[in-house]
N, C-alpha and C. Protein backbone atom coordinates (compact mmCIF):
# COMPACT_ATOMS: atom_id res chain seq x y z
N MET A 1 0.71 -1.66 0.18
CA MET A 1 0.23 0.00 0.06
C MET A 1 1.38 1.28 -0.23
N THR A 2 1.91 1.28 0.48
CA THR A 2 2.94 2.56 1.05
C THR A 2 3.24 2.73 -0.74
N SER A 3 3.67 1.29 -1.29
CA SER A 3 4.28 1.71 -2.42
C SER A 3 3.59 2.29 -3.66
N LEU A 4 1.94 1.99 -3.29
CA LEU A 4 0.93 2.46 -4.24
C LEU A 4 0.59 3.90 -3.85
N LEU A 5 1.28 3.95 -2.68
CA LEU A 5 0.73 5.56 -2.87
C LEU A 5 1.52 6.43 -2.89
N ILE A 6 2.98 6.01 -2.59
CA ILE A 6 4.26 6.52 -3.43
C ILE A 6 4.29 6.79 -4.93
N ALA A 7 3.74 6.22 -5.97
CA ALA A 7 3.56 6.08 -7.05
C ALA A 7 2.18 6.80 -7.13
N LEU A 8 1.19 6.89 -6.70
CA LEU A 8 0.03 7.48 -7.09
C LEU A 8 0.66 9.18 -6.75
N ALA A 9 1.14 9.47 -5.86
CA ALA A 9 1.71 10.59 -5.42
C ALA A 9 2.71 11.13 -6.34
N ALA A 10 3.81 10.76 -6.65
CA ALA A 10 4.60 10.54 -7.90
C ALA A 10 3.98 10.87 -9.45
N ALA A 11 2.81 10.54 -9.52
CA ALA A 11 1.88 10.17 -10.80
C ALA A 11 1.29 11.90 -10.49
N ALA A 12 0.81 11.93 -9.70
CA ALA A 12 0.16 13.26 -9.44
C ALA A 12 1.10 14.53 -9.88
N GLY A 13 1.73 14.21 -8.77
CA GLY A 13 2.78 15.15 -8.62
C GLY A 13 3.45 15.66 -10.31
N GLY A 14 3.81 14.64 -10.79
CA GLY A 14 4.43 14.97 -12.00
C GLY A 14 3.58 15.47 -12.87
N TYR A 15 2.38 14.83 -12.86
CA TYR A 15 1.16 15.49 -13.92
C TYR A 15 1.01 17.05 -13.81
N LEU A 16 0.99 17.07 -12.69
CA LEU A 16 0.30 18.65 -12.60
C LEU A 16 1.36 19.83 -12.99
N PHE A 17 3.04 19.25 -12.65
CA PHE A 17 3.65 20.05 -12.78
C PHE A 17 4.12 19.77 -14.71
N GLY A 18 4.09 18.83 -14.97
CA GLY A 18 4.02 18.72 -16.56
C GLY A 18 3.47 19.27 -17.11
N SER A 19 2.22 19.95 -16.78
CA SER A 19 0.60 20.44 -17.62
C SER A 19 0.75 21.77 -17.32
N ILE A 20 1.83 22.07 -16.47
CA ILE A 20 2.44 23.81 -16.66
C ILE A 20 2.74 24.44 -17.74
N PRO A 21 1.81 24.87 -19.08
CA PRO A 21 1.78 25.76 -20.25
C PRO A 21 2.40 27.00 -20.37
N PHE A 22 3.69 26.53 -20.33
CA PHE A 22 5.06 27.68 -20.12
C PHE A 22 4.75 28.62 -21.13
N GLY A 23 4.61 28.47 -22.67
CA GLY A 23 4.65 28.58 -23.74
C GLY A 23 3.26 29.71 -23.73
N LEU A 24 2.11 29.39 -23.52
CA LEU A 24 0.92 30.10 -22.89
C LEU A 24 1.21 30.88 -21.76
N VAL A 25 1.70 30.95 -20.88
CA VAL A 25 1.82 31.76 -19.64
C VAL A 25 3.13 32.94 -20.13
N LEU A 26 4.17 32.44 -20.37
CA LEU A 26 4.76 33.60 -21.30
C LEU A 26 4.72 35.02 -22.17
N THR A 27 4.35 34.14 -23.39
CA THR A 27 3.70 35.31 -24.33
C THR A 27 2.76 35.72 -23.53
N ARG A 28 1.97 35.37 -22.65
CA ARG A 28 0.84 36.14 -22.47
C ARG A 28 1.56 37.30 -21.02
N MET A 29 2.25 36.60 -20.37
CA MET A 29 3.04 37.90 -19.37
C MET A 29 3.71 39.13 -20.50
N ALA A 30 4.28 38.63 -21.26
CA ALA A 30 5.05 39.43 -22.52
C ALA A 30 3.64 40.77 -23.42
N GLY A 31 2.47 39.92 -23.11
CA GLY A 31 1.75 41.18 -23.54
C GLY A 31 1.84 40.80 -24.93
N LEU A 32 1.73 38.91 -25.56
CA LEU A 32 1.55 38.70 -26.84
C LEU A 32 0.16 38.17 -26.94
N GLY A 33 -0.48 37.96 -26.24
CA GLY A 33 -2.48 37.45 -26.34
C GLY A 33 -2.45 36.27 -25.71
N ASP A 34 -2.84 35.74 -26.69
CA ASP A 34 -2.90 34.33 -26.51
C ASP A 34 -2.49 33.50 -27.44
N ILE A 35 -1.22 32.36 -27.33
CA ILE A 35 -0.08 32.25 -28.73
C ILE A 35 -1.00 30.68 -29.23
N ARG A 36 -2.41 30.64 -28.98
CA ARG A 36 -3.09 29.50 -29.53
C ARG A 36 -3.81 30.48 -30.65
N ALA A 37 -4.05 31.78 -30.89
CA ALA A 37 -4.69 32.42 -32.01
C ALA A 37 -3.78 32.50 -32.90
N ILE A 38 -2.64 32.19 -32.97
CA ILE A 38 -1.75 32.01 -34.13
C ILE A 38 -1.07 31.10 -34.62
N GLY A 39 -0.70 31.13 -36.27
CA GLY A 39 -0.19 29.57 -35.94
C GLY A 39 -0.81 28.22 -36.30
N SER A 40 0.19 27.65 -35.37
CA SER A 40 -0.24 25.93 -35.18
C SER A 40 -1.92 25.92 -33.97
N GLY A 41 -2.05 27.43 -33.62
CA GLY A 41 -2.34 27.11 -32.25
C GLY A 41 -1.95 26.57 -31.09
N ASN A 42 -0.77 25.82 -31.26
CA ASN A 42 0.31 25.57 -29.83
C ASN A 42 0.25 26.26 -28.92
N ILE A 43 1.19 25.73 -27.67
CA ILE A 43 1.17 26.97 -27.16
C ILE A 43 3.66 26.56 -26.52
N GLY A 44 3.72 25.64 -27.89
CA GLY A 44 5.52 24.93 -27.51
C GLY A 44 6.40 26.17 -28.52
N ALA A 45 7.03 25.51 -28.20
CA ALA A 45 8.68 26.90 -28.56
C ALA A 45 8.28 27.22 -29.82
N THR A 46 8.17 25.96 -30.91
CA THR A 46 7.79 26.16 -32.58
C THR A 46 6.92 27.41 -32.33
N ASN A 47 5.72 27.28 -31.85
CA ASN A 47 4.74 28.24 -32.31
C ASN A 47 5.03 29.77 -31.69
N VAL A 48 5.75 29.73 -30.65
CA VAL A 48 5.93 30.43 -29.67
C VAL A 48 7.26 31.54 -30.39
N LEU A 49 7.41 30.83 -31.06
CA LEU A 49 8.77 31.29 -32.44
C LEU A 49 8.26 32.57 -33.19
N ARG A 50 6.78 32.36 -33.19
CA ARG A 50 6.15 32.71 -34.45
C ARG A 50 5.90 34.00 -34.01
N THR A 51 5.84 34.23 -33.03
CA THR A 51 5.62 35.63 -32.69
C THR A 51 6.79 36.76 -32.19
N GLY A 52 7.97 36.20 -32.75
CA GLY A 52 9.02 36.92 -33.55
C GLY A 52 9.84 37.33 -32.27
N ARG A 53 9.59 36.47 -31.35
CA ARG A 53 10.30 36.38 -29.87
C ARG A 53 11.16 35.27 -29.76
N LYS A 54 12.69 35.40 -30.20
CA LYS A 54 13.37 34.15 -29.90
C LYS A 54 13.72 34.02 -28.52
N ASP A 55 13.73 35.15 -27.68
CA ASP A 55 14.09 34.61 -26.41
C ASP A 55 13.20 33.87 -25.64
N LEU A 56 11.57 34.64 -25.75
CA LEU A 56 10.32 33.50 -25.18
C LEU A 56 10.41 32.07 -25.92
N ALA A 57 10.76 31.89 -26.88
CA ALA A 57 11.04 30.89 -27.67
C ALA A 57 11.82 29.23 -26.72
N ALA A 58 13.13 30.01 -26.82
CA ALA A 58 13.91 29.74 -26.58
C ALA A 58 13.61 29.37 -24.85
N LEU A 59 13.40 30.11 -23.81
CA LEU A 59 12.89 29.68 -22.62
C LEU A 59 11.47 28.95 -22.65
N THR A 60 11.04 28.73 -22.99
CA THR A 60 9.87 27.95 -23.20
C THR A 60 10.72 26.56 -23.66
N LEU A 61 11.36 26.35 -24.25
CA LEU A 61 11.73 25.29 -25.20
C LEU A 61 12.64 24.42 -23.51
N ILE A 62 13.71 25.27 -22.77
CA ILE A 62 13.94 25.40 -21.84
C ILE A 62 13.48 25.02 -20.36
N LEU A 63 11.86 25.59 -20.37
CA LEU A 63 11.51 24.99 -19.31
C LEU A 63 10.46 24.01 -19.57
N ASP A 64 9.82 23.47 -21.22
CA ASP A 64 8.90 22.27 -21.04
C ASP A 64 9.69 21.15 -20.79
N ALA A 65 11.34 21.28 -21.51
CA ALA A 65 12.47 20.01 -21.10
C ALA A 65 12.64 20.06 -19.94
N GLY A 66 12.87 21.33 -19.20
CA GLY A 66 13.03 21.08 -17.40
C GLY A 66 12.05 20.69 -16.76
N LYS A 67 10.81 20.60 -17.25
CA LYS A 67 9.87 20.43 -15.95
C LYS A 67 9.59 19.21 -15.51
N ALA A 68 9.77 18.26 -16.75
CA ALA A 68 9.91 16.71 -16.27
C ALA A 68 11.19 16.12 -15.53
N GLY A 69 11.85 17.17 -15.99
CA GLY A 69 13.34 16.67 -15.72
C GLY A 69 13.60 16.83 -13.85
N ILE A 70 12.46 17.79 -13.83
CA ILE A 70 12.98 18.29 -11.96
C ILE A 70 11.79 17.19 -11.52
N ALA A 71 10.58 17.20 -12.17
CA ALA A 71 9.81 16.48 -11.58
C ALA A 71 9.99 15.33 -11.46
N ALA A 72 11.05 14.25 -12.32
CA ALA A 72 11.79 13.05 -11.91
C ALA A 72 13.01 13.48 -10.80
N ALA A 73 13.69 14.22 -10.62
CA ALA A 73 14.96 14.47 -9.80
C ALA A 73 13.77 14.77 -8.36
N VAL A 74 13.41 15.52 -8.48
CA VAL A 74 12.79 15.68 -6.81
C VAL A 74 11.76 14.42 -6.36
N PHE A 75 11.04 14.09 -7.05
CA PHE A 75 10.66 12.36 -6.73
C PHE A 75 11.44 11.61 -6.25
N GLY A 76 12.45 11.14 -7.18
CA GLY A 76 13.21 10.33 -7.42
C GLY A 76 14.04 10.78 -6.03
N TYR A 77 14.57 11.96 -5.70
CA TYR A 77 15.52 12.17 -4.83
C TYR A 77 14.93 12.00 -3.13
N PHE A 78 13.59 12.25 -3.26
CA PHE A 78 12.65 11.99 -2.13
C PHE A 78 12.18 10.79 -1.74
N LEU A 79 11.71 9.98 -2.77
CA LEU A 79 10.70 9.49 -2.61
C LEU A 79 11.40 7.77 -3.60
N GLY A 80 12.12 7.33 -4.11
CA GLY A 80 13.39 6.57 -4.93
C GLY A 80 12.83 6.81 -6.33
N THR A 81 14.27 5.49 -7.00
CA THR A 81 14.29 5.82 -8.21
C THR A 81 13.02 5.61 -9.02
N THR A 82 11.93 4.51 -8.41
CA THR A 82 10.84 4.48 -8.97
C THR A 82 9.90 5.42 -9.28
N ALA A 83 9.75 6.26 -8.08
CA ALA A 83 9.15 7.31 -8.17
C ALA A 83 9.42 8.26 -8.77
N GLY A 84 10.68 8.41 -9.38
CA GLY A 84 11.05 9.25 -10.09
C GLY A 84 10.97 9.11 -11.41
N LEU A 85 10.91 7.77 -11.98
CA LEU A 85 10.42 7.56 -12.98
C LEU A 85 9.06 7.65 -13.16
N VAL A 86 8.35 7.19 -12.54
CA VAL A 86 6.88 7.34 -12.27
C VAL A 86 6.50 9.30 -12.80
N ALA A 87 7.21 9.81 -12.06
CA ALA A 87 6.96 11.56 -11.98
C ALA A 87 7.34 12.05 -13.65
N GLY A 88 8.38 11.02 -13.75
CA GLY A 88 8.76 11.93 -15.00
C GLY A 88 8.07 11.38 -16.25
N ALA A 89 7.47 10.16 -16.30
CA ALA A 89 6.56 9.82 -17.43
C ALA A 89 5.43 10.39 -17.43
N PHE A 90 4.87 11.08 -15.95
CA PHE A 90 3.39 11.45 -15.50
C PHE A 90 3.62 13.10 -16.40
N ALA A 91 4.51 13.35 -16.36
CA ALA A 91 5.20 15.02 -16.50
C ALA A 91 5.29 15.40 -18.03
N PHE A 92 5.75 14.33 -18.56
CA PHE A 92 5.46 13.98 -20.11
C PHE A 92 4.04 14.01 -20.36
N ALA A 93 3.42 13.46 -19.96
CA ALA A 93 2.04 13.02 -20.27
C ALA A 93 1.18 14.01 -19.99
N GLY A 94 1.90 15.03 -18.57
CA GLY A 94 0.64 16.10 -18.45
C GLY A 94 1.38 17.44 -19.42
N HIS A 95 2.48 17.44 -19.78
CA HIS A 95 2.70 18.14 -21.36
C HIS A 95 2.24 17.92 -22.50
N CYS A 96 1.62 16.68 -22.95
CA CYS A 96 1.00 16.71 -24.01
C CYS A 96 -0.06 16.84 -23.76
N PHE A 97 -1.06 16.43 -22.86
CA PHE A 97 -2.11 16.57 -22.35
C PHE A 97 -2.72 17.14 -21.09
N PRO A 98 -2.67 18.51 -20.99
CA PRO A 98 -2.58 19.37 -19.49
C PRO A 98 -4.38 19.16 -19.67
N VAL A 99 -4.81 19.36 -18.27
CA VAL A 99 -5.99 19.15 -18.06
C VAL A 99 -6.41 20.51 -18.45
N TRP A 100 -5.73 21.47 -17.91
CA TRP A 100 -6.31 22.66 -18.18
C TRP A 100 -6.55 23.44 -19.35
N LEU A 101 -5.91 22.93 -20.77
CA LEU A 101 -6.25 23.05 -21.67
C LEU A 101 -6.97 22.47 -23.40
N GLY A 102 -7.84 21.69 -22.17
CA GLY A 102 -8.73 20.98 -22.83
C GLY A 102 -7.82 19.52 -23.42
N PHE A 103 -6.93 19.00 -22.59
CA PHE A 103 -5.87 17.82 -23.07
C PHE A 103 -5.11 17.82 -24.44
N LYS A 104 -4.78 19.12 -24.73
CA LYS A 104 -4.64 19.56 -26.27
C LYS A 104 -3.05 20.23 -25.99
N GLY A 105 -2.31 19.28 -25.87
CA GLY A 105 -0.82 19.52 -25.64
C GLY A 105 0.25 19.50 -26.82
N GLY A 106 1.52 19.64 -26.63
CA GLY A 106 2.34 19.37 -27.42
C GLY A 106 2.55 17.73 -27.73
N LYS A 107 3.59 17.63 -28.81
CA LYS A 107 4.13 16.63 -28.97
C LYS A 107 5.24 15.85 -27.77
N GLY A 108 6.05 16.63 -27.24
CA GLY A 108 6.35 15.88 -26.26
C GLY A 108 7.36 15.92 -26.44
N VAL A 109 8.55 16.13 -27.37
CA VAL A 109 10.12 15.48 -27.37
C VAL A 109 11.12 16.38 -26.55
N ALA A 110 10.84 17.45 -26.59
CA ALA A 110 11.88 18.33 -26.00
C ALA A 110 11.43 17.86 -24.04
N THR A 111 10.49 17.97 -23.68
CA THR A 111 9.93 17.19 -22.41
C THR A 111 10.30 15.61 -22.10
N PHE A 112 10.74 15.17 -23.11
CA PHE A 112 10.93 13.38 -23.29
C PHE A 112 12.63 13.64 -23.24
N VAL A 113 13.34 14.60 -23.92
CA VAL A 113 14.49 14.45 -23.20
C VAL A 113 15.62 15.43 -22.23
N GLY A 114 14.65 16.26 -21.86
CA GLY A 114 14.44 16.64 -20.70
C GLY A 114 13.86 15.26 -19.24
N THR A 115 13.40 14.95 -19.44
CA THR A 115 13.01 13.60 -18.31
C THR A 115 14.05 12.47 -18.76
N MET A 116 14.92 12.16 -19.84
CA MET A 116 15.55 11.30 -20.29
C MET A 116 17.19 11.54 -19.62
N LEU A 117 17.17 12.95 -19.37
CA LEU A 117 18.71 13.26 -19.02
C LEU A 117 18.59 13.26 -17.50
N VAL A 118 17.65 13.37 -16.77
CA VAL A 118 17.62 13.30 -15.50
C VAL A 118 17.74 11.76 -14.91
N VAL A 119 16.70 11.23 -15.66
CA VAL A 119 16.48 9.88 -15.10
C VAL A 119 17.62 8.94 -15.09
N PHE A 120 18.18 8.59 -16.26
CA PHE A 120 19.59 8.20 -16.40
C PHE A 120 20.19 9.16 -18.09
N TRP A 121 21.42 9.41 -17.82
CA TRP A 121 21.56 11.34 -18.15
C TRP A 121 22.31 10.15 -19.75
N PRO A 122 22.70 8.97 -19.61
CA PRO A 122 23.39 8.39 -20.51
C PRO A 122 22.27 8.42 -21.81
N VAL A 123 21.18 8.08 -21.78
CA VAL A 123 19.90 7.84 -22.45
C VAL A 123 20.09 9.43 -23.12
N GLY A 124 19.70 9.98 -22.23
CA GLY A 124 19.31 11.39 -22.58
C GLY A 124 20.60 12.16 -23.43
N LEU A 125 21.75 11.86 -23.17
CA LEU A 125 22.56 11.99 -24.52
C LEU A 125 22.93 11.49 -25.72
N THR A 126 22.09 10.22 -25.11
CA THR A 126 22.03 9.07 -26.73
C THR A 126 21.18 9.39 -27.57
N VAL A 127 19.78 10.27 -26.82
CA VAL A 127 18.63 11.13 -27.58
C VAL A 127 19.18 12.15 -28.47
N ILE A 128 19.52 12.98 -27.48
CA ILE A 128 20.29 14.12 -28.12
C ILE A 128 21.33 14.24 -29.49
N ALA A 129 22.19 13.22 -29.14
CA ALA A 129 23.00 12.41 -30.57
C ALA A 129 22.59 12.48 -31.61
N THR A 130 21.08 11.51 -31.25
CA THR A 130 20.63 10.77 -32.30
C THR A 130 20.08 11.99 -33.23
N TRP A 131 19.17 12.91 -32.35
CA TRP A 131 18.37 13.83 -32.90
C TRP A 131 19.12 14.87 -33.57
N LEU A 132 20.32 14.89 -33.35
CA LEU A 132 21.47 15.76 -34.09
C LEU A 132 22.04 15.65 -35.62
N ALA A 133 22.38 14.30 -35.19
CA ALA A 133 22.84 13.08 -36.22
C ALA A 133 21.92 13.35 -37.33
N MET A 134 20.55 12.63 -36.99
CA MET A 134 19.92 12.49 -38.19
C MET A 134 19.13 14.12 -38.50
N ALA A 135 19.00 14.90 -37.96
CA ALA A 135 18.96 16.60 -38.53
C ALA A 135 19.67 16.75 -39.17
N ALA A 136 21.28 16.06 -39.14
CA ALA A 136 21.73 17.07 -39.38
C ALA A 136 22.08 16.18 -41.78
N ILE A 137 21.56 14.67 -41.11
CA ILE A 137 21.65 14.18 -42.31
C ILE A 137 20.67 14.20 -43.29
N PHE A 138 19.57 14.30 -42.87
CA PHE A 138 18.24 14.12 -43.46
C PHE A 138 17.42 16.02 -43.47
N ARG A 139 17.55 16.76 -42.80
CA ARG A 139 17.28 17.64 -42.75
C ARG A 139 15.82 17.45 -42.30
N ILE A 140 15.04 16.91 -41.71
CA ILE A 140 13.64 16.56 -41.58
C ILE A 140 13.35 16.60 -39.66
N SER A 141 13.03 17.42 -39.28
CA SER A 141 12.84 17.77 -37.57
C SER A 141 12.07 16.46 -37.08
N SER A 142 10.71 16.34 -37.90
CA SER A 142 10.19 14.84 -37.34
C SER A 142 11.17 13.99 -37.11
N LEU A 143 11.66 13.56 -38.48
CA LEU A 143 12.38 12.04 -38.82
C LEU A 143 13.49 11.92 -37.21
N ALA A 144 14.28 12.92 -36.92
CA ALA A 144 14.96 13.35 -36.44
C ALA A 144 14.63 13.04 -34.95
N ALA A 145 13.38 13.59 -34.45
CA ALA A 145 12.47 13.63 -33.77
C ALA A 145 12.46 11.76 -32.99
N LEU A 146 11.66 11.04 -34.56
CA LEU A 146 11.16 10.03 -34.14
C LEU A 146 12.40 8.56 -33.79
N ALA A 147 13.61 8.88 -34.88
CA ALA A 147 14.56 8.22 -34.31
C ALA A 147 15.17 8.37 -33.04
N ALA A 148 15.12 9.56 -33.03
CA ALA A 148 15.76 9.68 -31.22
C ALA A 148 14.97 9.28 -30.40
N ALA A 149 13.19 9.19 -30.37
CA ALA A 149 13.01 8.77 -29.23
C ALA A 149 13.33 7.13 -29.50
N LEU A 150 13.03 6.40 -30.55
CA LEU A 150 13.37 4.94 -30.49
C LEU A 150 14.33 4.50 -30.10
N ALA A 151 15.60 5.39 -30.32
CA ALA A 151 17.09 5.28 -29.91
C ALA A 151 16.58 4.96 -28.26
N ALA A 152 16.46 5.38 -27.15
CA ALA A 152 15.96 5.63 -25.95
C ALA A 152 16.14 4.34 -25.75
N PRO A 153 14.82 3.43 -25.42
CA PRO A 153 14.88 2.34 -24.92
C PRO A 153 15.94 1.50 -25.51
N PHE A 154 16.30 1.43 -26.96
CA PHE A 154 17.42 0.42 -26.70
C PHE A 154 18.81 1.26 -26.01
N ALA A 155 18.95 2.27 -26.18
CA ALA A 155 19.99 2.57 -25.30
C ALA A 155 20.04 2.09 -23.73
N ALA A 156 18.56 2.37 -23.08
CA ALA A 156 18.73 2.18 -21.66
C ALA A 156 19.07 0.50 -21.74
N LEU A 157 18.27 -0.20 -22.35
CA LEU A 157 18.67 -1.81 -22.29
C LEU A 157 20.20 -2.13 -22.45
N ALA A 158 20.93 -1.36 -23.39
CA ALA A 158 22.16 -1.36 -23.73
C ALA A 158 23.20 -1.15 -22.05
N TRP A 159 22.82 -0.16 -21.74
CA TRP A 159 23.42 0.33 -20.41
C TRP A 159 22.87 -0.74 -18.99
N GLY A 160 21.96 -1.49 -19.48
CA GLY A 160 21.54 -2.71 -18.10
C GLY A 160 20.49 -1.72 -17.28
N ARG A 161 19.58 -0.82 -18.19
CA ARG A 161 18.68 -0.21 -17.13
C ARG A 161 17.14 -0.74 -17.98
N PRO A 162 16.59 -1.35 -17.84
CA PRO A 162 15.48 -2.23 -17.83
C PRO A 162 14.16 -1.36 -17.52
N ASP A 163 14.26 -0.88 -16.54
CA ASP A 163 13.21 0.14 -15.60
C ASP A 163 13.26 1.51 -16.70
N VAL A 164 14.27 2.11 -16.91
CA VAL A 164 14.32 2.81 -18.00
C VAL A 164 13.85 2.83 -19.44
N ALA A 165 14.31 1.67 -19.53
CA ALA A 165 13.87 1.36 -20.99
C ALA A 165 12.82 0.66 -21.32
N ILE A 166 11.86 0.56 -20.09
CA ILE A 166 10.34 0.37 -20.62
C ILE A 166 9.34 1.75 -20.36
N MET A 167 10.12 3.08 -19.51
CA MET A 167 9.61 3.96 -19.26
C MET A 167 9.57 4.78 -20.64
N ALA A 168 10.96 4.52 -21.27
CA ALA A 168 11.15 4.93 -22.38
C ALA A 168 10.64 4.46 -23.50
N GLY A 169 10.26 3.33 -23.53
CA GLY A 169 9.35 2.61 -24.61
C GLY A 169 7.91 2.97 -24.76
N LEU A 170 7.47 3.26 -23.49
CA LEU A 170 6.06 3.73 -23.35
C LEU A 170 6.01 5.33 -24.27
N LEU A 171 6.67 6.09 -23.08
CA LEU A 171 6.90 7.48 -24.22
C LEU A 171 7.39 7.40 -25.22
N THR A 172 7.82 6.56 -26.03
CA THR A 172 8.21 6.38 -27.49
C THR A 172 7.10 6.00 -28.35
N VAL A 173 6.17 5.62 -27.56
CA VAL A 173 4.63 5.04 -28.50
C VAL A 173 3.98 5.80 -28.32
N LEU A 174 3.92 6.60 -27.53
CA LEU A 174 3.18 8.27 -27.00
C LEU A 174 3.58 9.24 -28.27
N ILE A 175 4.91 9.22 -28.37
CA ILE A 175 5.64 9.86 -29.33
C ILE A 175 4.98 10.01 -30.69
N TYR A 176 5.31 8.46 -31.25
CA TYR A 176 5.07 8.06 -32.40
C TYR A 176 3.36 8.20 -32.63
N TRP A 177 2.43 8.18 -31.55
CA TRP A 177 1.14 8.53 -31.91
C TRP A 177 0.83 9.71 -31.86
N LEU A 178 1.79 10.56 -31.00
CA LEU A 178 0.85 12.14 -31.40
C LEU A 178 2.02 12.60 -32.59
N HIS A 179 3.05 12.12 -33.15
CA HIS A 179 3.66 12.43 -34.60
C HIS A 179 2.72 12.01 -35.74
N ARG A 180 1.81 11.39 -35.78
CA ARG A 180 1.19 10.26 -36.03
C ARG A 180 0.91 10.79 -37.79
N ALA A 181 0.56 12.36 -37.90
CA ALA A 181 0.70 13.11 -39.44
C ALA A 181 1.88 13.39 -39.85
N ASN A 182 2.70 13.29 -38.89
CA ASN A 182 4.18 13.85 -39.76
C ASN A 182 4.85 12.04 -40.48
N ILE A 183 4.13 11.52 -39.62
CA ILE A 183 5.20 10.03 -40.04
C ILE A 183 3.74 9.84 -41.19
N SER A 184 2.82 10.06 -41.44
CA SER A 184 1.79 9.63 -42.85
C SER A 184 2.68 10.83 -44.02
N ARG A 185 3.29 12.10 -43.44
CA ARG A 185 3.90 12.89 -44.58
C ARG A 185 5.06 12.44 -44.63
N LEU A 186 6.05 11.88 -43.94
CA LEU A 186 7.17 11.03 -44.39
C LEU A 186 6.58 10.04 -45.06
N LEU A 187 6.11 9.53 -45.03
CA LEU A 187 5.67 8.07 -45.91
C LEU A 187 5.49 8.63 -47.33
N LYS A 188 4.98 9.94 -47.45
CA LYS A 188 4.35 10.47 -48.96
C LYS A 188 5.83 11.34 -49.75
N GLY A 189 6.53 11.68 -48.26
CA GLY A 189 7.35 12.45 -48.97
C GLY A 189 7.40 13.64 -48.73
N GLU A 190 6.19 14.45 -48.25
CA GLU A 190 5.81 15.43 -47.97
C GLU A 190 6.08 16.69 -47.01
N GLU A 191 7.21 15.92 -45.85
CA GLU A 191 7.37 16.45 -44.86
C GLU A 191 8.35 17.52 -44.87
N PRO A 192 8.05 18.87 -44.66
CA PRO A 192 9.10 19.15 -44.89
C PRO A 192 10.41 19.76 -43.95
N ARG A 193 11.47 19.92 -44.69
CA ARG A 193 12.43 19.92 -43.90
C ARG A 193 13.37 21.49 -43.21
N ILE A 194 14.20 20.89 -42.71
CA ILE A 194 14.75 22.11 -41.69
C ILE A 194 15.37 23.62 -42.67
N GLY A 195 14.39 24.59 -42.73
CA GLY A 195 14.99 25.41 -43.28
C GLY A 195 14.40 25.67 -44.83
N GLY A 196 13.67 24.52 -45.07
CA GLY A 196 13.00 24.67 -46.03
C GLY A 196 11.89 25.67 -46.77
N LYS A 197 11.17 26.12 -47.70
CA LYS A 197 10.46 27.51 -48.21
C LYS A 197 9.09 26.88 -47.80
N LYS A 198 8.20 27.56 -46.72
CA LYS A 198 7.19 26.93 -46.34
C LYS A 198 6.36 26.86 -47.47
N SER A 199 6.29 27.97 -48.59
CA SER A 199 5.29 27.77 -49.54
C SER A 199 5.58 26.13 -50.70
N GLU A 200 6.69 25.54 -49.95
CA GLU A 200 7.01 24.06 -51.08
C GLU A 200 6.77 22.85 -50.08
N THR A 201 5.98 23.23 -49.08
CA THR A 201 5.64 21.85 -47.82
C THR A 201 4.74 22.50 -46.44
N PRO A 202 3.84 21.57 -46.35
CA PRO A 202 2.99 21.78 -45.75
C PRO A 202 3.64 22.69 -44.06
N ALA A 203 2.85 23.31 -43.43
CA ALA A 203 3.26 23.66 -42.57
C ALA A 203 3.60 22.43 -41.19
N ASP A 204 4.58 22.90 -40.41
CA ASP A 204 5.35 21.62 -39.64
C ASP A 204 5.57 22.02 -38.23
N ASP A 205 4.97 21.58 -37.37
CA ASP A 205 6.07 22.21 -35.61
C ASP A 205 6.24 20.44 -35.49
N SER A 206 7.37 19.97 -35.93
CA SER A 206 7.42 18.73 -35.62
C SER A 206 9.15 18.85 -34.44
N ASP A 207 9.19 19.99 -34.02
CA ASP A 207 10.13 19.13 -33.19
C ASP A 207 9.91 18.90 -31.68
N GLY A 208 8.41 19.10 -31.59
CA GLY A 208 8.03 18.11 -30.18
C GLY A 208 7.57 18.65 -29.27
N ASP A 209 6.96 19.96 -29.77
CA ASP A 209 6.17 21.35 -28.71
C ASP A 209 4.73 21.56 -29.59
N ASP A 210 4.79 21.04 -30.87
CA ASP A 210 3.12 21.67 -31.11
C ASP A 210 2.79 20.55 -31.73
N PRO A 211 1.32 20.31 -32.09
CA PRO A 211 0.07 19.37 -32.40
C PRO A 211 -0.14 19.38 -33.75
N ASP A 212 -0.30 18.04 -34.23
CA ASP A 212 -0.79 18.31 -35.97
C ASP A 212 -1.32 19.34 -36.86
N THR A 213 -1.69 19.93 -35.94
CA THR A 213 -2.76 20.93 -36.49
C THR A 213 -1.96 21.79 -38.01
N PRO A 214 -2.49 22.21 -39.23
CA PRO A 214 -1.39 23.25 -39.40
C PRO A 214 -1.78 24.63 -39.45
N ALA A 215 -0.66 25.05 -39.96
CA ALA A 215 -0.86 26.78 -39.71
C ALA A 215 -1.85 27.40 -40.11
N THR A 216 -2.45 28.56 -39.87
CA THR A 216 -3.58 28.82 -40.86
C THR A 216 -3.51 30.50 -41.20
C-alpha cells in the first residue's frame, strides 16, 4: 500500500507540474495575447517563435524540457528511483495532455529529452546525439525526433537499465502516436525540411512542442 501511495503521489505531482503551459504563460506575460490564436494554435516553442520573440521561444523550450526533469529529480531524490521514473513519465503526459487546455498539448520531444537526461543521463545524451545526427543528415525535424525517441529504450537496455527502457518505450509509443500526421507526410515524401521554404511544404511543428494542426 505504501508503494502504491508513493506511485500515485509521484504520478499526480508529475502530471500537474508537467501540465504547466509555459508557452502560453510567457507569451501572455509579455503582452502577446493568446499564443493559441496564431500559427499552429499550440503553446510550444515552435509556435512561440512565430511571435518573433526568439528569447521567449528559447525559454519555453528550456522550461518544457526542464519541467519533467525537475519532477523526476525531486520525486526520485525524496521517494526513490521508481517514484522518479513515474513522476517523469506523468510529467511528459501532463505536457502532452494538459487538463487546463482541454488535454491539447504538445508532442513532447523536448519534455522527453529532459526526462531522459535526469532519470539516466547516458540515455538522454544518446537521444540528443541521435536527433542531431539525423537532423544533420536528413534535414527533417520530425524524422530526427522519431529516431531519437526510438533510440532511447534500446540505449537503456544496452546500459543495463530495463526500468528506464520500459519507461522510455512507453513514452516513445506516445511520441509516435502524437506524430502520426508527420509519419503520414514522411511516407508520402511531403514532410518539410529544416530551413525549407514554407510555400513548398505543409506547415510543420515537428520539434515535439506543437500538435498536428497545420498553420492557418
